[in-house]
Amino acid sequence: MTPDPGPPGRRSAPPMSPDTMSSANEPAESEPPERDAPPPDAAAGDRNGQHTTHRPWSARRLPAALVASAILVAAGAALFDVVAVRAGRQAAAWRKHLADELATRPVDDVWMLTGAAVAAAVGVWLITLALTPGLRRLLPLRSPPGCPPPHLRASLDRDGAAALLRDAAMRVPGVSTARIRVRRHRVKARADIRFRDPEQVKDDLFAVLNEERDRLALSRPPRIVVRVRRRTV
């Protein structure tokens, strides 16, 4: 007898091996859940977009005019005398005297040492002017983030910064007078108080000046030093 083939359309499942049964019974490994990428830090982008602003360079018009005038006068006088000698005339008395003095005076003479010291001082002064930007009364401001080149440059006068800080200091309760001196690396604030505890006034004044300094958007914010004293008269 042949076995019953069963109802049509139904097929018997193939026999499963022990390995297949064990793998089917094992739970599927869970994949790690997807994590959303953190949003970009806007503050970091602003910091990356900013660049250090330096103090603008001075034109040095007065030193340049003085040096150019001195060189022009000396070179013009020497050239005129040389041309006169070439034309058959005698050399000027000042050039003869200068040549004799340079030829006869020893190197350790007082006038020779004085002239060398003056020339060295003038040279150091000119080198300093050439290597430093000048305009020390200007405080550079931070450039806005994302500013395309050429970058925008702005500066604030020290007197203007001192006036803004003084106005902020006068808004502190208890302060009667305030004197502000702004330097490149430090701000000195001196205040006279009429009432309240001096330590509380000092703390409030320090906080207000720090906040006002941050509003100025200086490229290199100076350190603030506060001194208070009580005035009873």
Protein backbone atom coordinates (compact mmCIF):
# COMPACT_ATOMS: atom_id res chain seq x y z
CA MET A 1 0.00 0.00 0.00
CA THR A 2 1.18 3.49 -0.81
CA PRO A 3 0.89 6.30 1.74
CA ASP A 4 -1.77 8.91 1.36
CA PRO A 5 -0.29 11.84 -0.54
CA GLY A 6 -2.48 14.22 1.45
CA PRO A 7 -4.58 17.07 0.20
CA PRO A 8 -3.39 18.78 -2.92
CA GLY A 9 -1.51 22.08 -2.56
CA ARG A 10 0.05 21.17 0.79
CA ARG A 11 3.66 20.16 0.83
CA SER A 12 5.38 18.57 3.73
CA ALA A 13 8.22 20.59 5.25
CA PRO A 14 11.68 19.19 4.74
CA PRO A 15 13.21 17.50 7.72
CA MET A 16 15.20 19.86 9.95
CA SER A 17 18.63 18.96 11.18
CA PRO A 18 19.61 19.51 14.83
CA ASP A 19 21.85 22.46 13.83
CA THR A 20 19.00 24.10 12.00
CA MET A 21 16.66 23.63 14.93
CA SER A 22 19.13 25.12 17.40
CA SER A 23 19.74 28.17 15.19
CA ALA A 24 16.03 28.69 14.77
CA ASN A 25 15.43 28.57 18.52
CA GLU A 26 18.18 31.14 19.27
CA PRO A 27 16.88 34.73 19.44
CA ALA A 28 18.13 37.10 16.79
CA GLU A 29 20.86 39.50 17.87
CA SER A 30 19.44 42.94 18.56
CA GLU A 31 21.03 45.77 16.57
CA PRO A 32 22.02 48.92 18.43
CA PRO A 33 19.38 51.64 18.20
CA GLU A 34 20.09 54.50 15.86
CA ARG A 35 21.16 57.77 17.49
CA ASP A 36 20.47 61.16 16.10
CA ALA A 37 23.59 63.23 15.48
CA PRO A 38 23.90 66.09 17.94
CA PRO A 39 23.18 69.50 16.49
CA PRO A 40 26.23 71.57 15.62
CA ASP A 41 27.44 73.90 18.30
CA ALA A 42 26.58 77.39 17.16
CA ALA A 43 28.93 78.98 19.64
CA ALA A 44 31.81 76.86 18.39
CA GLY A 45 31.02 77.89 14.85
CA ASP A 46 31.07 81.51 15.88
CA ARG A 47 34.40 81.06 17.60
CA ASN A 48 35.84 79.37 14.54
CA GLY A 49 34.50 82.12 12.32
CA GLN A 50 36.16 84.87 14.32
CA HIS A 51 39.75 85.91 13.86
CA THR A 52 42.13 87.88 15.98
CA THR A 53 41.97 91.60 15.30
CA HIS A 54 45.19 93.53 15.67
CA ARG A 55 45.74 97.19 16.33
CA PRO A 56 45.92 99.28 13.14
CA TRP A 57 49.31 100.52 12.05
CA SER A 58 50.13 104.18 12.36
CA ALA A 59 51.25 106.16 9.33
CA ARG A 60 54.17 107.68 11.34
CA ARG A 61 53.91 110.94 9.43
CA LEU A 62 55.87 113.09 11.88
CA PRO A 63 58.89 110.75 12.29
CA ALA A 64 58.94 110.09 8.56
CA ALA A 65 58.86 113.83 7.82
CA LEU A 66 61.68 114.55 10.29
CA VAL A 67 63.93 111.79 8.96
CA ALA A 68 63.22 112.70 5.34
CA SER A 69 63.94 116.38 6.01
CA ALA A 70 67.23 115.64 7.78
CA ILE A 71 68.38 113.30 5.01
CA LEU A 72 67.33 115.78 2.33
CA VAL A 73 69.22 118.68 3.92
CA ALA A 74 72.40 116.66 4.56
CA ALA A 75 72.40 114.99 1.15
CA GLY A 76 71.61 118.26 -0.64
CA ALA A 77 74.42 120.15 1.09
CA ALA A 78 76.96 117.38 0.43
CA LEU A 79 75.89 117.03 -3.20
CA PHE A 80 76.09 120.79 -3.78
CA ASP A 81 79.61 120.94 -2.32
CA VAL A 82 80.79 117.94 -4.36
CA VAL A 83 79.45 119.50 -7.56
CA ALA A 84 81.17 122.79 -6.68
CA VAL A 85 84.50 121.01 -6.14
CA ARG A 86 84.11 119.20 -9.46
CA ALA A 87 83.47 122.55 -11.11
CA GLY A 88 86.84 123.90 -9.92
CA ARG A 89 85.89 125.63 -6.69
CA GLN A 90 87.28 124.93 -3.25
CA ALA A 91 85.49 122.71 -0.79
CA ALA A 92 83.25 124.34 1.78
CA ALA A 93 84.74 125.23 5.15
CA TRP A 94 82.31 123.00 7.05
CA ARG A 95 83.31 119.95 5.01
CA LYS A 96 87.03 120.64 5.51
CA HIS A 97 86.52 121.08 9.24
CA LEU A 98 84.45 117.89 9.47
CA ALA A 99 87.03 115.89 7.53
CA ASP A 100 89.87 117.20 9.72
CA GLU A 101 87.99 116.41 12.93
CA LEU A 102 87.17 112.87 11.82
CA ALA A 103 90.78 112.29 10.77
CA THR A 104 92.49 113.70 13.86
CA ARG A 105 90.20 112.84 16.78
CA PRO A 106 90.75 109.44 18.44
CA VAL A 107 88.00 106.89 18.66
CA ASP A 108 87.71 107.20 22.45
CA ASP A 109 87.16 110.95 22.29
CA VAL A 110 84.15 112.29 24.19
CA TRP A 111 82.58 113.90 21.13
CA MET A 112 83.08 110.75 19.07
CA LEU A 113 81.44 108.60 21.74
CA THR A 114 78.60 111.11 22.11
CA GLY A 115 77.96 111.17 18.38
CA ALA A 116 78.01 107.37 18.21
CA ALA A 117 75.56 107.12 21.13
CA VAL A 118 73.19 109.63 19.52
CA ALA A 119 73.34 107.80 16.19
CA ALA A 120 72.68 104.46 17.90
CA ALA A 121 69.74 105.90 19.85
CA VAL A 122 68.22 107.35 16.69
CA GLY A 123 68.67 104.00 14.93
CA VAL A 124 66.98 102.09 17.74
CA TRP A 125 64.14 104.62 17.73
CA LEU A 126 63.61 104.22 13.99
CA ILE A 127 63.71 100.41 14.21
CA THR A 128 61.16 100.49 17.04
CA LEU A 129 58.87 102.70 14.98
CA ALA A 130 59.19 100.36 12.02
CA LEU A 131 58.39 97.18 13.98
CA THR A 132 55.56 98.44 16.22
CA PRO A 133 52.07 99.44 15.03
CA GLY A 134 51.68 102.51 17.22
CA LEU A 135 48.26 104.04 17.95
CA ARG A 136 48.40 102.77 21.51
CA ARG A 137 45.30 104.76 22.46
CA LEU A 138 43.13 102.54 20.25
CA LEU A 139 41.66 99.24 21.46
CA PRO A 140 40.85 96.80 18.61
CA LEU A 141 37.38 95.26 18.56
CA ARG A 142 36.42 91.71 17.64
CA SER A 143 35.36 91.14 14.06
CA PRO A 144 31.86 89.73 13.56
CA PRO A 145 31.73 85.98 12.84
CA GLY A 146 31.51 84.95 9.23
CA CYS A 147 32.89 88.24 7.96
CA PRO A 148 34.44 87.54 4.53
CA PRO A 149 37.87 88.95 3.71
CA PRO A 150 38.87 91.72 3.70
CA HIS A 151 37.83 91.53 7.33
CA LEU A 152 36.09 94.45 8.97
CA ARG A 153 38.33 96.26 11.44
CA ALA A 154 37.16 98.63 14.13
CA SER A 155 38.81 100.23 17.14
CA LEU A 156 37.64 102.04 20.24
CA ASP A 157 39.46 104.96 21.81
CA ARG A 158 40.59 104.46 25.40
CA ASP A 159 38.86 107.63 26.53
CA GLY A 160 35.60 106.40 24.99
CA ALA A 161 35.93 103.03 26.71
CA ALA A 162 36.68 104.77 30.02
CA ALA A 163 33.59 106.97 29.63
CA LEU A 164 31.34 103.96 29.01
CA LEU A 165 32.77 102.11 31.99
CA ARG A 166 32.42 105.21 34.17
CA ASP A 167 28.75 105.56 33.26
CA ALA A 168 28.21 101.91 34.17
CA ALA A 169 30.01 102.38 37.49
CA MET A 170 27.88 105.39 38.41
CA ARG A 171 24.74 103.26 38.12
CA VAL A 172 25.83 101.12 41.08
CA PRO A 173 23.96 102.14 44.25
CA GLY A 174 26.28 103.77 46.76
CA VAL A 175 28.87 105.08 44.28
CA SER A 176 29.19 108.87 44.36
CA THR A 177 32.21 109.37 42.08
CA ALA A 178 34.16 106.99 39.86
CA ARG A 179 37.47 107.32 38.06
CA ILE A 180 38.36 104.85 35.31
CA ARG A 181 41.73 104.45 33.63
CA VAL A 182 41.91 102.06 30.69
CA ARG A 183 45.21 100.49 29.73
CA ARG A 184 46.03 97.77 27.23
CA HIS A 185 45.95 94.91 29.75
CA ARG A 186 44.25 96.40 32.79
CA VAL A 187 41.39 98.68 33.77
CA LYS A 188 41.80 100.57 37.05
CA ALA A 189 38.57 101.66 38.69
CA ARG A 190 38.50 103.87 41.79
CA ALA A 191 35.17 104.72 43.38
CA ASP A 192 34.03 106.79 46.34
CA ILE A 193 31.01 105.47 48.21
CA ARG A 194 28.55 107.33 50.44
CA PHE A 195 26.47 104.48 51.83
CA ARG A 196 26.18 100.67 51.82
CA ASP A 197 28.83 98.19 52.80
CA PRO A 198 32.10 98.77 50.91
CA GLU A 199 32.55 95.07 50.17
CA GLN A 200 29.08 94.79 48.65
CA VAL A 201 29.63 97.91 46.58
CA LYS A 202 32.97 96.54 45.41
CA ASP A 203 31.40 93.23 44.36
CA ASP A 204 28.55 94.97 42.52
CA LEU A 205 30.96 97.36 40.86
CA PHE A 206 33.21 94.52 39.74
CA ALA A 207 30.25 92.62 38.25
CA VAL A 208 28.88 95.70 36.45
CA LEU A 209 32.27 96.62 35.00
CA ASN A 210 32.85 93.07 33.80
CA GLU A 211 29.48 93.05 32.07
CA GLU A 212 30.09 96.42 30.45
CA ARG A 213 33.57 95.35 29.34
CA ASP A 214 32.11 92.28 27.64
CA ARG A 215 29.60 94.51 25.83
CA LEU A 216 32.46 96.52 24.35
CA ALA A 217 33.51 93.41 22.35
CA LEU A 218 37.21 94.09 22.74
CA SER A 219 39.59 91.75 20.97
CA ARG A 220 41.74 91.43 24.10
CA PRO A 221 39.59 92.24 27.13
CA PRO A 222 41.71 93.87 29.86
CA ARG A 223 41.68 92.76 33.47
CA ILE A 224 39.61 94.89 35.86
CA VAL A 225 40.97 96.12 39.19
CA VAL A 226 38.49 97.81 41.54
CA ARG A 227 39.30 99.95 44.57
CA VAL A 228 36.71 101.64 46.74
CA ARG A 229 36.90 104.04 49.66
CA ARG A 230 34.27 105.54 51.89
CA ARG A 231 33.68 109.28 51.81
CA THR A 232 31.68 110.75 54.67
CA VAL A 233 32.10 114.43 53.83
